[in-house]
Structures are given as structure tokens and as C-alpha cells.
Amino acid sequence: MLALLPRLGERLNSLAGNLSGGEQQMLAIGCALMTRPRLIMIDELSLGLMLKIIDLCYPALIKLRSEGMTVLLVEQNTERVLKIADEVCVLESGTTVWQGSAEAARNDPELTTAYLGLH
């Protein structure tokens, strides 16, 4: 886990309660991965985190995907997610309003403007 999330290695002797919000998020991911799941679900990875910490978490997700793990990510940072996702499901008030490949989502101007906050 420390190779995947090196920031945790820097804080190895710290109590979990003394970690920043982003470091606690990394710790939660690391704990979940120690069970060797085939699927990991992450809700709002970037919510309330500093960009610096987010920049440390996304490469870990990309590495997990490259190793064959399925990553289900609920995220509002759509620009970043669309760069790494295979499939996208857009929800509005709990209802699916669009579903398809990330490439199709990136190339749909109506979708990107109305739902994904991209232009």
C-alpha cells in the first residue's frame, strides 16, 4: 500500500486521527485494498480535498485499473474523471439521464454543457 500511496509512508508513525482529510481518504483506500477486492467503490474522492492530495490519489486509481481492478467512482470532478474512465453514468436526482463510454461523453456537446460542466 505504501508503494501505491507513498504519502502514507511519510505519515507512517502518525495516528489516523492526526492525518489530513486527504491522508485519511488515502488510508481508507489502503485499508480497503488490503482485503484484495476485485472491485473498489469510492464516493466523492476529491470532495473537500486539496488539489495536491487529489493529484496523489488519481495515479493510484489509474494503477489499480491497469492491474485489472474495477473502480467505481462517484465524482463531481467530471473533467478529471472523463480522462481516466471507461464508462460513465450521469445521474440527476438519483435517475440515470445518460450512460455510455467516456469517449462518447467527452464528444457529446449537449451532455458536457448541461451535465458535466465542460464547454
N, C-alpha and C. Protein backbone atom coordinates (compact mmCIF):
# COMPACT_ATOMS: atom_id res chain seq x y z
N MET A 1 0.82 -1.19 0.00
CA MET A 1 0.00 0.00 0.00
C MET A 1 0.86 1.26 0.00
N LEU A 2 2.01 1.17 0.65
CA LEU A 2 2.86 2.36 0.71
C LEU A 2 3.47 2.70 -0.64
N ALA A 3 3.68 1.69 -1.48
CA ALA A 3 4.18 1.96 -2.83
C ALA A 3 3.08 2.63 -3.66
N LEU A 4 1.84 2.21 -3.45
CA LEU A 4 0.71 2.77 -4.19
C LEU A 4 0.35 4.17 -3.68
N LEU A 5 0.44 4.35 -2.38
CA LEU A 5 0.07 5.62 -1.74
C LEU A 5 1.25 6.11 -0.89
N PRO A 6 2.30 6.60 -1.53
CA PRO A 6 3.54 6.94 -0.81
C PRO A 6 3.37 8.01 0.27
N ARG A 7 2.38 8.86 0.13
CA ARG A 7 2.16 9.90 1.16
C ARG A 7 1.92 9.25 2.52
N LEU A 8 1.29 8.07 2.53
CA LEU A 8 1.05 7.38 3.79
C LEU A 8 2.36 6.93 4.42
N GLY A 9 3.33 6.58 3.61
CA GLY A 9 4.64 6.20 4.13
C GLY A 9 5.30 7.32 4.89
N GLU A 10 5.07 8.54 4.42
CA GLU A 10 5.62 9.72 5.09
C GLU A 10 4.96 9.94 6.45
N ARG A 11 3.75 9.44 6.61
CA ARG A 11 2.99 9.65 7.85
C ARG A 11 2.82 8.35 8.64
N LEU A 12 3.69 7.38 8.41
CA LEU A 12 3.57 6.04 8.97
C LEU A 12 3.46 6.03 10.49
N ASN A 13 4.10 6.94 11.16
CA ASN A 13 4.08 6.95 12.63
C ASN A 13 3.01 7.87 13.21
N SER A 14 2.12 8.37 12.38
CA SER A 14 1.05 9.26 12.84
C SER A 14 -0.21 8.46 13.13
N LEU A 15 -0.98 8.93 14.09
CA LEU A 15 -2.28 8.34 14.35
C LEU A 15 -3.24 8.74 13.23
N ALA A 16 -4.17 7.86 12.91
CA ALA A 16 -5.12 8.14 11.83
C ALA A 16 -5.86 9.45 12.06
N GLY A 17 -6.22 9.74 13.30
CA GLY A 17 -6.95 10.96 13.62
C GLY A 17 -6.14 12.22 13.42
N ASN A 18 -4.82 12.08 13.31
CA ASN A 18 -3.96 13.24 13.11
C ASN A 18 -3.64 13.49 11.63
N LEU A 19 -4.15 12.62 10.75
CA LEU A 19 -3.92 12.79 9.32
C LEU A 19 -4.87 13.84 8.75
N SER A 20 -4.44 14.47 7.67
CA SER A 20 -5.33 15.42 6.99
C SER A 20 -6.48 14.66 6.37
N GLY A 21 -7.48 15.38 5.89
CA GLY A 21 -8.63 14.74 5.26
C GLY A 21 -8.21 13.89 4.07
N GLY A 22 -7.30 14.41 3.25
CA GLY A 22 -6.82 13.66 2.10
C GLY A 22 -6.03 12.42 2.50
N GLU A 23 -5.23 12.56 3.52
CA GLU A 23 -4.45 11.42 4.00
C GLU A 23 -5.39 10.37 4.59
N GLN A 24 -6.44 10.80 5.27
CA GLN A 24 -7.43 9.85 5.79
C GLN A 24 -8.15 9.13 4.65
N GLN A 25 -8.42 9.84 3.55
CA GLN A 25 -9.03 9.23 2.38
C GLN A 25 -8.10 8.15 1.81
N MET A 26 -6.80 8.48 1.72
CA MET A 26 -5.82 7.51 1.24
C MET A 26 -5.75 6.30 2.16
N LEU A 27 -5.80 6.55 3.46
CA LEU A 27 -5.76 5.46 4.44
C LEU A 27 -6.98 4.55 4.27
N ALA A 28 -8.14 5.14 4.06
CA ALA A 28 -9.36 4.34 3.85
C ALA A 28 -9.23 3.48 2.60
N ILE A 29 -8.68 4.06 1.54
CA ILE A 29 -8.47 3.29 0.31
C ILE A 29 -7.48 2.16 0.57
N GLY A 30 -6.39 2.48 1.24
CA GLY A 30 -5.39 1.46 1.55
C GLY A 30 -5.95 0.33 2.39
N CYS A 31 -6.75 0.67 3.39
CA CYS A 31 -7.37 -0.37 4.23
C CYS A 31 -8.29 -1.26 3.40
N ALA A 32 -9.07 -0.63 2.53
CA ALA A 32 -9.98 -1.41 1.68
C ALA A 32 -9.20 -2.33 0.74
N LEU A 33 -8.09 -1.85 0.22
CA LEU A 33 -7.30 -2.64 -0.72
C LEU A 33 -6.59 -3.82 -0.06
N MET A 34 -6.38 -3.74 1.23
CA MET A 34 -5.68 -4.82 1.93
C MET A 34 -6.51 -6.11 1.95
N THR A 35 -7.80 -6.00 1.67
CA THR A 35 -8.64 -7.19 1.61
C THR A 35 -8.59 -7.84 0.22
N ARG A 36 -7.80 -7.25 -0.68
CA ARG A 36 -7.62 -7.74 -2.06
C ARG A 36 -8.94 -7.85 -2.83
N PRO A 37 -9.71 -6.77 -2.87
CA PRO A 37 -11.00 -6.82 -3.58
C PRO A 37 -10.78 -6.82 -5.10
N ARG A 38 -11.79 -7.27 -5.81
CA ARG A 38 -11.77 -7.17 -7.27
C ARG A 38 -12.41 -5.86 -7.72
N LEU A 39 -13.18 -5.25 -6.82
CA LEU A 39 -13.89 -4.00 -7.10
C LEU A 39 -13.72 -3.09 -5.90
N ILE A 40 -13.45 -1.82 -6.18
CA ILE A 40 -13.43 -0.83 -5.10
C ILE A 40 -14.38 0.29 -5.51
N MET A 41 -15.22 0.71 -4.57
CA MET A 41 -16.16 1.79 -4.81
C MET A 41 -15.73 2.99 -3.96
N ILE A 42 -15.60 4.13 -4.61
CA ILE A 42 -15.14 5.34 -3.93
C ILE A 42 -16.15 6.45 -4.20
N ASP A 43 -16.63 7.05 -3.13
CA ASP A 43 -17.63 8.10 -3.23
C ASP A 43 -16.97 9.46 -3.01
N GLU A 44 -17.01 10.31 -4.03
CA GLU A 44 -16.51 11.69 -3.96
C GLU A 44 -15.06 11.76 -3.47
N LEU A 45 -14.18 11.17 -4.24
CA LEU A 45 -12.75 11.15 -3.90
C LEU A 45 -12.20 12.54 -3.65
N SER A 46 -12.59 13.51 -4.45
CA SER A 46 -11.98 14.84 -4.36
C SER A 46 -12.74 15.82 -3.45
N LEU A 47 -13.86 15.40 -2.90
CA LEU A 47 -14.69 16.32 -2.11
C LEU A 47 -13.92 16.85 -0.90
N GLY A 48 -13.71 18.14 -0.87
CA GLY A 48 -13.08 18.80 0.26
C GLY A 48 -11.58 18.59 0.36
N LEU A 49 -10.95 18.02 -0.66
CA LEU A 49 -9.52 17.77 -0.59
C LEU A 49 -8.74 18.83 -1.37
N MET A 50 -7.53 19.07 -0.91
CA MET A 50 -6.64 19.98 -1.62
C MET A 50 -6.23 19.33 -2.94
N LEU A 51 -6.02 20.14 -3.96
CA LEU A 51 -5.63 19.65 -5.27
C LEU A 51 -4.37 18.79 -5.19
N LYS A 52 -3.45 19.16 -4.33
CA LYS A 52 -2.20 18.42 -4.16
C LYS A 52 -2.47 16.97 -3.75
N ILE A 53 -3.42 16.77 -2.85
CA ILE A 53 -3.76 15.43 -2.38
C ILE A 53 -4.53 14.67 -3.47
N ILE A 54 -5.43 15.36 -4.15
CA ILE A 54 -6.17 14.73 -5.25
C ILE A 54 -5.18 14.23 -6.31
N ASP A 55 -4.16 15.04 -6.57
CA ASP A 55 -3.14 14.66 -7.54
C ASP A 55 -2.37 13.41 -7.12
N LEU A 56 -2.37 13.08 -5.85
CA LEU A 56 -1.72 11.86 -5.37
C LEU A 56 -2.65 10.65 -5.46
N CYS A 57 -3.95 10.89 -5.36
CA CYS A 57 -4.91 9.79 -5.34
C CYS A 57 -5.22 9.24 -6.74
N TYR A 58 -5.36 10.12 -7.72
CA TYR A 58 -5.75 9.67 -9.05
C TYR A 58 -4.75 8.71 -9.70
N PRO A 59 -3.44 8.95 -9.57
CA PRO A 59 -2.49 7.97 -10.13
C PRO A 59 -2.65 6.59 -9.50
N ALA A 60 -3.02 6.55 -8.23
CA ALA A 60 -3.24 5.26 -7.58
C ALA A 60 -4.43 4.54 -8.22
N LEU A 61 -5.49 5.28 -8.52
CA LEU A 61 -6.65 4.68 -9.19
C LEU A 61 -6.28 4.16 -10.57
N ILE A 62 -5.49 4.93 -11.29
CA ILE A 62 -5.06 4.52 -12.62
C ILE A 62 -4.23 3.24 -12.53
N LYS A 63 -3.37 3.16 -11.55
CA LYS A 63 -2.54 1.96 -11.37
C LYS A 63 -3.41 0.76 -11.04
N LEU A 64 -4.38 0.93 -10.16
CA LEU A 64 -5.28 -0.17 -9.81
C LEU A 64 -6.01 -0.67 -11.05
N ARG A 65 -6.50 0.24 -11.88
CA ARG A 65 -7.18 -0.16 -13.12
C ARG A 65 -6.25 -0.92 -14.03
N SER A 66 -5.00 -0.47 -14.13
CA SER A 66 -4.04 -1.14 -15.02
C SER A 66 -3.72 -2.55 -14.53
N GLU A 67 -3.95 -2.79 -13.25
CA GLU A 67 -3.72 -4.12 -12.68
C GLU A 67 -4.98 -4.98 -12.72
N GLY A 68 -6.04 -4.48 -13.35
CA GLY A 68 -7.24 -5.27 -13.56
C GLY A 68 -8.35 -5.07 -12.54
N MET A 69 -8.18 -4.15 -11.61
CA MET A 69 -9.22 -3.92 -10.63
C MET A 69 -10.31 -3.03 -11.23
N THR A 70 -11.55 -3.32 -10.90
CA THR A 70 -12.66 -2.46 -11.29
C THR A 70 -12.79 -1.34 -10.26
N VAL A 71 -12.87 -0.12 -10.73
CA VAL A 71 -13.01 1.05 -9.85
C VAL A 71 -14.33 1.72 -10.20
N LEU A 72 -15.23 1.78 -9.22
CA LEU A 72 -16.48 2.50 -9.37
C LEU A 72 -16.32 3.79 -8.58
N LEU A 73 -16.30 4.90 -9.30
CA LEU A 73 -16.02 6.19 -8.70
C LEU A 73 -17.20 7.13 -8.88
N VAL A 74 -17.75 7.59 -7.78
CA VAL A 74 -18.78 8.63 -7.80
C VAL A 74 -18.02 9.94 -7.60
N GLU A 75 -18.15 10.84 -8.56
CA GLU A 75 -17.30 12.03 -8.51
C GLU A 75 -17.97 13.19 -9.25
N GLN A 76 -17.79 14.38 -8.70
CA GLN A 76 -18.30 15.58 -9.36
C GLN A 76 -17.22 16.28 -10.17
N ASN A 77 -15.98 15.91 -10.00
CA ASN A 77 -14.88 16.47 -10.78
C ASN A 77 -14.86 15.77 -12.13
N THR A 78 -15.82 16.12 -12.98
CA THR A 78 -16.05 15.38 -14.22
C THR A 78 -14.90 15.49 -15.21
N GLU A 79 -14.26 16.62 -15.28
CA GLU A 79 -13.17 16.77 -16.25
C GLU A 79 -12.07 15.76 -15.98
N ARG A 80 -11.73 15.59 -14.74
CA ARG A 80 -10.67 14.65 -14.37
C ARG A 80 -11.12 13.20 -14.58
N VAL A 81 -12.33 12.91 -14.19
CA VAL A 81 -12.85 11.54 -14.30
C VAL A 81 -12.93 11.11 -15.76
N LEU A 82 -13.37 12.01 -16.62
CA LEU A 82 -13.51 11.66 -18.04
C LEU A 82 -12.18 11.31 -18.69
N LYS A 83 -11.08 11.74 -18.10
CA LYS A 83 -9.76 11.41 -18.64
C LYS A 83 -9.36 9.97 -18.33
N ILE A 84 -9.92 9.39 -17.27
CA ILE A 84 -9.49 8.04 -16.87
C ILE A 84 -10.59 6.99 -16.96
N ALA A 85 -11.84 7.41 -17.10
CA ALA A 85 -12.96 6.47 -17.07
C ALA A 85 -13.10 5.70 -18.38
N ASP A 86 -13.64 4.51 -18.27
CA ASP A 86 -14.04 3.73 -19.44
C ASP A 86 -15.51 3.99 -19.74
N GLU A 87 -16.32 3.93 -18.70
CA GLU A 87 -17.77 4.09 -18.82
C GLU A 87 -18.23 5.20 -17.88
N VAL A 88 -19.33 5.86 -18.27
CA VAL A 88 -19.86 6.98 -17.49
C VAL A 88 -21.37 6.80 -17.34
N CYS A 89 -21.84 7.09 -16.15
CA CYS A 89 -23.28 7.11 -15.89
C CYS A 89 -23.57 8.45 -15.21
N VAL A 90 -24.40 9.27 -15.83
CA VAL A 90 -24.74 10.58 -15.30
C VAL A 90 -26.10 10.46 -14.61
N LEU A 91 -26.13 10.87 -13.35
CA LEU A 91 -27.36 10.82 -12.57
C LEU A 91 -27.86 12.23 -12.30
N GLU A 92 -29.17 12.37 -12.29
CA GLU A 92 -29.79 13.62 -11.86
C GLU A 92 -30.88 13.24 -10.88
N SER A 93 -30.73 13.69 -9.64
CA SER A 93 -31.68 13.36 -8.57
C SER A 93 -31.92 11.86 -8.48
N GLY A 94 -30.85 11.09 -8.63
CA GLY A 94 -30.93 9.64 -8.48
C GLY A 94 -31.42 8.89 -9.70
N THR A 95 -31.69 9.59 -10.79
CA THR A 95 -32.18 8.96 -12.01
C THR A 95 -31.10 9.04 -13.09
N THR A 96 -30.86 7.94 -13.77
CA THR A 96 -29.89 7.92 -14.86
C THR A 96 -30.41 8.75 -16.03
N VAL A 97 -29.63 9.77 -16.42
CA VAL A 97 -30.03 10.61 -17.55
C VAL A 97 -29.15 10.36 -18.77
N TRP A 98 -28.01 9.70 -18.56
CA TRP A 98 -27.12 9.37 -19.67
C TRP A 98 -26.18 8.27 -19.22
N GLN A 99 -25.89 7.36 -20.15
CA GLN A 99 -24.97 6.28 -19.84
C GLN A 99 -24.26 5.88 -21.13
N GLY A 100 -22.96 5.67 -21.05
CA GLY A 100 -22.20 5.27 -22.22
C GLY A 100 -20.71 5.35 -21.96
N SER A 101 -19.95 5.28 -23.02
CA SER A 101 -18.49 5.31 -22.89
C SER A 101 -18.02 6.72 -22.52
N ALA A 102 -16.88 6.79 -21.87
CA ALA A 102 -16.31 8.09 -21.52
C ALA A 102 -16.00 8.88 -22.78
N GLU A 103 -15.55 8.18 -23.82
CA GLU A 103 -15.26 8.87 -25.08
C GLU A 103 -16.52 9.51 -25.66
N ALA A 104 -17.63 8.77 -25.64
CA ALA A 104 -18.89 9.32 -26.14
C ALA A 104 -19.32 10.52 -25.28
N ALA A 105 -19.10 10.43 -23.97
CA ALA A 105 -19.46 11.55 -23.09
C ALA A 105 -18.62 12.78 -23.41
N ARG A 106 -17.33 12.59 -23.63
CA ARG A 106 -16.44 13.72 -23.95
C ARG A 106 -16.84 14.38 -25.27
N ASN A 107 -17.40 13.60 -26.19
CA ASN A 107 -17.72 14.11 -27.53
C ASN A 107 -19.17 14.54 -27.70
N ASP A 108 -19.94 14.56 -26.62
CA ASP A 108 -21.35 14.95 -26.70
C ASP A 108 -21.48 16.37 -26.14
N PRO A 109 -21.51 17.40 -27.00
CA PRO A 109 -21.53 18.78 -26.52
C PRO A 109 -22.72 19.10 -25.63
N GLU A 110 -23.87 18.54 -25.95
CA GLU A 110 -25.05 18.80 -25.12
C GLU A 110 -24.85 18.24 -23.72
N LEU A 111 -24.33 17.05 -23.63
CA LEU A 111 -24.08 16.41 -22.32
C LEU A 111 -23.03 17.17 -21.54
N THR A 112 -21.92 17.48 -22.19
CA THR A 112 -20.83 18.14 -21.47
C THR A 112 -21.23 19.52 -20.97
N THR A 113 -22.07 20.22 -21.70
CA THR A 113 -22.50 21.55 -21.27
C THR A 113 -23.59 21.46 -20.18
N ALA A 114 -24.58 20.61 -20.40
CA ALA A 114 -25.72 20.55 -19.50
C ALA A 114 -25.41 19.84 -18.17
N TYR A 115 -24.64 18.78 -18.22
CA TYR A 115 -24.48 17.96 -17.03
C TYR A 115 -23.05 17.89 -16.49
N LEU A 116 -22.07 18.07 -17.33
CA LEU A 116 -20.70 17.82 -16.89
C LEU A 116 -19.90 19.10 -16.63
N GLY A 117 -20.51 20.24 -16.87
CA GLY A 117 -19.85 21.50 -16.58
C GLY A 117 -18.64 21.79 -17.47
N LEU A 118 -18.60 21.16 -18.62
CA LEU A 118 -17.49 21.38 -19.56
C LEU A 118 -18.02 22.11 -20.79
N HIS A 119 -17.14 22.82 -21.47
CA HIS A 119 -17.57 23.55 -22.67
C HIS A 119 -16.68 23.20 -23.83
